[in-house]
N, C-alpha and C. Protein backbone atom coordinates (compact mmCIF):
# COMPACT_ATOMS: atom_id res chain seq x y z
N MET A 1 94.81 49.79 107.81
CA MET A 1 93.74 49.50 106.87
C MET A 1 93.96 48.15 106.19
N LYS A 2 95.22 47.86 105.82
CA LYS A 2 95.49 46.60 105.14
C LYS A 2 95.27 45.41 106.07
N LYS A 3 95.63 45.60 107.35
CA LYS A 3 95.45 44.51 108.30
C LYS A 3 93.96 44.23 108.51
N THR A 4 93.16 45.28 108.56
CA THR A 4 91.73 45.11 108.75
C THR A 4 91.12 44.40 107.55
N LEU A 5 91.52 44.79 106.36
CA LEU A 5 91.01 44.14 105.15
C LEU A 5 91.44 42.68 105.09
N LEU A 6 92.67 42.40 105.47
CA LEU A 6 93.17 41.03 105.49
C LEU A 6 92.40 40.18 106.51
N ARG A 7 92.14 40.72 107.66
CA ARG A 7 91.37 39.99 108.68
C ARG A 7 89.95 39.73 108.21
N LEU A 8 89.35 40.72 107.56
CA LEU A 8 87.99 40.57 107.06
C LEU A 8 87.94 39.49 105.99
N LEU A 9 88.88 39.51 105.06
CA LEU A 9 88.89 38.51 104.00
C LEU A 9 89.20 37.12 104.53
N SER A 10 90.12 37.02 105.49
CA SER A 10 90.45 35.70 106.03
C SER A 10 89.31 35.15 106.88
N THR A 11 88.45 36.01 107.39
CA THR A 11 87.31 35.54 108.17
C THR A 11 86.15 35.15 107.26
N LEU A 12 85.90 35.95 106.24
CA LEU A 12 84.74 35.71 105.38
C LEU A 12 84.97 34.66 104.31
N SER A 13 86.19 34.48 103.87
CA SER A 13 86.47 33.51 102.80
C SER A 13 86.04 32.09 103.16
N PRO A 14 86.41 31.57 104.33
CA PRO A 14 85.96 30.22 104.64
C PRO A 14 84.44 30.11 104.78
N LEU A 15 83.82 31.16 105.27
CA LEU A 15 82.36 31.12 105.41
C LEU A 15 81.66 31.09 104.06
N LEU A 16 82.18 31.83 103.10
CA LEU A 16 81.56 31.86 101.78
C LEU A 16 81.87 30.61 100.97
N LEU A 17 83.04 30.04 101.15
CA LEU A 17 83.43 28.89 100.35
C LEU A 17 83.01 27.56 100.97
N ALA A 18 82.72 27.54 102.26
CA ALA A 18 82.37 26.29 102.93
C ALA A 18 81.02 25.76 102.47
N SER A 19 80.11 26.63 102.10
CA SER A 19 78.79 26.16 101.69
C SER A 19 78.87 25.35 100.40
N THR A 20 79.76 25.70 99.50
CA THR A 20 79.88 24.93 98.27
C THR A 20 80.59 23.61 98.50
N ALA A 21 81.39 23.52 99.53
CA ALA A 21 82.09 22.26 99.80
C ALA A 21 81.13 21.19 100.28
N TRP A 22 80.08 21.56 100.96
CA TRP A 22 79.14 20.59 101.51
C TRP A 22 77.89 20.42 100.64
N ALA A 23 77.83 21.11 99.54
CA ALA A 23 76.67 21.01 98.66
C ALA A 23 76.64 19.64 97.99
N GLN A 24 75.43 19.13 97.79
CA GLN A 24 75.30 17.85 97.11
C GLN A 24 75.46 18.03 95.62
N GLU A 25 75.97 17.00 95.00
CA GLU A 25 76.10 17.05 93.55
C GLU A 25 74.79 16.57 92.93
N SER A 26 74.39 17.24 91.86
CA SER A 26 73.16 16.82 91.20
C SER A 26 73.39 15.53 90.42
N ALA A 27 74.51 15.44 89.76
CA ALA A 27 74.88 14.21 89.06
C ALA A 27 76.26 13.82 89.55
N GLY A 28 76.53 12.55 89.56
CA GLY A 28 77.81 12.07 90.07
C GLY A 28 78.98 12.57 89.22
N SER A 29 80.12 12.69 89.84
CA SER A 29 81.32 13.10 89.11
C SER A 29 81.67 12.02 88.09
N ASN A 30 82.24 12.46 87.02
CA ASN A 30 82.65 11.50 86.02
C ASN A 30 84.08 11.79 85.58
N GLU A 31 84.55 11.05 84.61
CA GLU A 31 85.93 11.20 84.18
C GLU A 31 86.21 12.56 83.58
N ASN A 32 85.20 13.17 82.99
CA ASN A 32 85.41 14.48 82.37
C ASN A 32 85.75 15.54 83.41
N ASP A 33 85.14 15.44 84.59
CA ASP A 33 85.46 16.38 85.65
C ASP A 33 86.91 16.22 86.10
N VAL A 34 87.34 14.98 86.23
CA VAL A 34 88.71 14.71 86.66
C VAL A 34 89.69 15.22 85.62
N LYS A 35 89.42 14.96 84.36
CA LYS A 35 90.30 15.44 83.29
C LYS A 35 90.33 16.96 83.24
N MET A 36 89.18 17.58 83.42
CA MET A 36 89.12 19.04 83.39
C MET A 36 90.00 19.64 84.48
N PHE A 37 89.88 19.12 85.69
CA PHE A 37 90.69 19.66 86.78
C PHE A 37 92.16 19.31 86.63
N ALA A 38 92.46 18.18 86.00
CA ALA A 38 93.86 17.82 85.74
C ALA A 38 94.47 18.80 84.74
N TYR A 39 93.72 19.17 83.71
CA TYR A 39 94.22 20.14 82.73
C TYR A 39 94.41 21.51 83.37
N ILE A 40 93.49 21.90 84.24
CA ILE A 40 93.62 23.18 84.93
C ILE A 40 94.85 23.15 85.85
N ALA A 41 95.03 22.05 86.56
CA ALA A 41 96.19 21.92 87.45
C ALA A 41 97.49 21.94 86.66
N ALA A 42 97.50 21.28 85.51
CA ALA A 42 98.71 21.27 84.68
C ALA A 42 99.04 22.67 84.19
N GLY A 43 98.03 23.39 83.74
CA GLY A 43 98.26 24.76 83.28
C GLY A 43 98.75 25.67 84.39
N LEU A 44 98.14 25.55 85.56
CA LEU A 44 98.58 26.37 86.69
C LEU A 44 99.99 26.00 87.13
N ALA A 45 100.30 24.71 87.13
CA ALA A 45 101.63 24.27 87.57
C ALA A 45 102.72 24.85 86.68
N ILE A 46 102.56 24.73 85.38
CA ILE A 46 103.62 25.22 84.50
C ILE A 46 103.63 26.75 84.47
N GLY A 47 102.49 27.38 84.60
CA GLY A 47 102.44 28.84 84.61
C GLY A 47 103.13 29.43 85.83
N ILE A 48 102.82 28.89 86.99
CA ILE A 48 103.43 29.38 88.23
C ILE A 48 104.91 29.07 88.25
N ALA A 49 105.28 27.88 87.79
CA ALA A 49 106.70 27.50 87.77
C ALA A 49 107.49 28.39 86.82
N ALA A 50 106.94 28.66 85.65
CA ALA A 50 107.65 29.51 84.69
C ALA A 50 107.80 30.93 85.23
N PHE A 51 106.75 31.44 85.86
CA PHE A 51 106.81 32.79 86.42
C PHE A 51 107.82 32.85 87.56
N GLY A 52 107.76 31.88 88.47
CA GLY A 52 108.69 31.87 89.60
C GLY A 52 110.12 31.64 89.17
N GLY A 53 110.30 30.76 88.19
CA GLY A 53 111.65 30.48 87.71
C GLY A 53 112.27 31.69 87.02
N SER A 54 111.50 32.36 86.20
CA SER A 54 112.04 33.55 85.53
C SER A 54 112.31 34.67 86.52
N LEU A 55 111.46 34.80 87.51
CA LEU A 55 111.69 35.81 88.55
C LEU A 55 112.96 35.48 89.34
N GLY A 56 113.14 34.22 89.69
CA GLY A 56 114.34 33.81 90.43
C GLY A 56 115.61 33.97 89.60
N GLN A 57 115.53 33.62 88.32
CA GLN A 57 116.71 33.78 87.46
C GLN A 57 117.07 35.25 87.28
N GLY A 58 116.07 36.08 87.16
CA GLY A 58 116.35 37.51 87.02
C GLY A 58 117.01 38.08 88.26
N ARG A 59 116.51 37.69 89.42
CA ARG A 59 117.11 38.20 90.66
C ARG A 59 118.51 37.65 90.88
N ALA A 60 118.74 36.39 90.52
CA ALA A 60 120.07 35.80 90.69
C ALA A 60 121.07 36.49 89.76
N ALA A 61 120.66 36.71 88.52
CA ALA A 61 121.56 37.37 87.57
C ALA A 61 121.83 38.81 88.00
N THR A 62 120.82 39.50 88.49
CA THR A 62 120.99 40.88 88.95
C THR A 62 121.98 40.94 90.11
N ALA A 63 121.81 40.05 91.07
CA ALA A 63 122.71 40.05 92.23
C ALA A 63 124.14 39.71 91.81
N ALA A 64 124.30 38.77 90.90
CA ALA A 64 125.65 38.40 90.45
C ALA A 64 126.30 39.54 89.68
N LEU A 65 125.55 40.19 88.82
CA LEU A 65 126.12 41.30 88.05
C LEU A 65 126.46 42.49 88.94
N GLU A 66 125.65 42.73 89.96
CA GLU A 66 125.98 43.81 90.90
C GLU A 66 127.26 43.47 91.67
N GLY A 67 127.40 42.21 92.06
CA GLY A 67 128.62 41.79 92.76
C GLY A 67 129.85 41.92 91.89
N ILE A 68 129.72 41.55 90.61
CA ILE A 68 130.85 41.67 89.69
C ILE A 68 131.17 43.14 89.42
N ALA A 69 130.14 43.97 89.35
CA ALA A 69 130.37 45.39 89.10
C ALA A 69 131.08 46.05 90.29
N ARG A 70 130.77 45.61 91.48
CA ARG A 70 131.41 46.20 92.66
C ARG A 70 132.83 45.69 92.86
N ASN A 71 133.06 44.44 92.48
CA ASN A 71 134.39 43.85 92.66
C ASN A 71 134.73 43.03 91.42
N PRO A 72 135.26 43.66 90.39
CA PRO A 72 135.56 42.92 89.15
C PRO A 72 136.57 41.80 89.33
N GLY A 73 137.39 41.88 90.32
CA GLY A 73 138.39 40.84 90.55
C GLY A 73 137.77 39.52 91.01
N ALA A 74 136.58 39.57 91.56
CA ALA A 74 135.93 38.37 92.06
C ALA A 74 134.95 37.77 91.06
N SER A 75 135.07 38.16 89.80
CA SER A 75 134.09 37.69 88.81
C SER A 75 134.16 36.18 88.62
N ASP A 76 135.35 35.59 88.71
CA ASP A 76 135.46 34.14 88.58
C ASP A 76 134.79 33.41 89.74
N LYS A 77 134.89 33.97 90.94
CA LYS A 77 134.28 33.35 92.11
C LYS A 77 132.76 33.53 92.14
N ILE A 78 132.26 34.54 91.46
CA ILE A 78 130.82 34.79 91.43
C ILE A 78 130.16 34.08 90.26
N PHE A 79 130.86 34.00 89.13
CA PHE A 79 130.26 33.50 87.90
C PHE A 79 129.87 32.02 88.00
N THR A 80 130.75 31.18 88.55
CA THR A 80 130.47 29.75 88.62
C THR A 80 129.28 29.43 89.52
N PRO A 81 129.17 29.98 90.74
CA PRO A 81 127.98 29.70 91.54
C PRO A 81 126.69 30.26 90.92
N MET A 82 126.83 31.39 90.17
CA MET A 82 125.64 31.93 89.52
C MET A 82 125.13 30.97 88.46
N ILE A 83 126.02 30.40 87.65
CA ILE A 83 125.61 29.45 86.63
C ILE A 83 124.99 28.21 87.26
N LEU A 84 125.56 27.74 88.36
CA LEU A 84 125.01 26.59 89.07
C LEU A 84 123.61 26.90 89.61
N ALA A 85 123.45 28.08 90.18
CA ALA A 85 122.13 28.47 90.71
C ALA A 85 121.10 28.59 89.58
N LEU A 86 121.50 29.16 88.45
CA LEU A 86 120.58 29.26 87.33
C LEU A 86 120.17 27.89 86.80
N ALA A 87 121.10 26.95 86.79
CA ALA A 87 120.78 25.59 86.34
C ALA A 87 119.80 24.92 87.30
N LEU A 88 119.99 25.13 88.61
CA LEU A 88 119.06 24.53 89.58
C LEU A 88 117.68 25.16 89.50
N ILE A 89 117.62 26.46 89.29
CA ILE A 89 116.33 27.13 89.14
C ILE A 89 115.61 26.59 87.90
N GLU A 90 116.34 26.43 86.82
CA GLU A 90 115.75 25.92 85.59
C GLU A 90 115.29 24.47 85.75
N SER A 91 116.01 23.69 86.55
CA SER A 91 115.59 22.30 86.75
C SER A 91 114.25 22.23 87.48
N LEU A 92 113.97 23.17 88.37
CA LEU A 92 112.67 23.18 89.04
C LEU A 92 111.54 23.44 88.05
N VAL A 93 111.78 24.31 87.09
CA VAL A 93 110.77 24.58 86.06
C VAL A 93 110.57 23.34 85.20
N ILE A 94 111.64 22.62 84.90
CA ILE A 94 111.52 21.40 84.11
C ILE A 94 110.75 20.34 84.89
N TYR A 95 110.96 20.24 86.21
CA TYR A 95 110.18 19.30 87.02
C TYR A 95 108.69 19.65 86.96
N ALA A 96 108.36 20.91 87.04
CA ALA A 96 106.95 21.32 86.94
C ALA A 96 106.38 20.97 85.57
N PHE A 97 107.19 21.12 84.53
CA PHE A 97 106.74 20.76 83.19
C PHE A 97 106.47 19.26 83.09
N ILE A 98 107.32 18.44 83.71
CA ILE A 98 107.12 17.00 83.69
C ILE A 98 105.85 16.63 84.46
N VAL A 99 105.62 17.27 85.59
CA VAL A 99 104.40 17.03 86.35
C VAL A 99 103.18 17.42 85.53
N ALA A 100 103.26 18.53 84.81
CA ALA A 100 102.14 18.95 83.96
C ALA A 100 101.88 17.92 82.86
N LEU A 101 102.93 17.38 82.28
CA LEU A 101 102.75 16.35 81.24
C LEU A 101 102.14 15.08 81.83
N ILE A 102 102.54 14.72 83.04
CA ILE A 102 101.97 13.54 83.69
C ILE A 102 100.50 13.77 83.98
N LEU A 103 100.14 14.96 84.44
CA LEU A 103 98.72 15.25 84.72
C LEU A 103 97.89 15.23 83.46
N GLN A 104 98.43 15.67 82.36
CA GLN A 104 97.67 15.65 81.12
C GLN A 104 97.52 14.23 80.58
N GLY A 105 98.44 13.35 80.93
CA GLY A 105 98.36 11.98 80.46
C GLY A 105 97.30 11.15 81.18
N LYS A 106 96.87 11.59 82.33
CA LYS A 106 95.87 10.81 83.10
C LYS A 106 94.48 11.08 82.62
């Protein structure tokens, strides 16, 4: 059932959305349209990045804590890579935040 629904949606989506792509504009685009879409893109960028980053940090911490719980002697070997991974995940969220600020500045 899920495959049938997925096939139906993937077939009908381009057909329904293609008509708006080729529609003529009544008035020409202006700077307000560009700014509006830049603000929407900035909001989506930071929202998705924050959600993905928090999800990744939660899973990394869970996996590290499970590893430490199973083998307490290896906590030193697990703790340092976990902190490094959390820092890298957080840096991706900060990059998305910088991109959002750049988009809002245009």
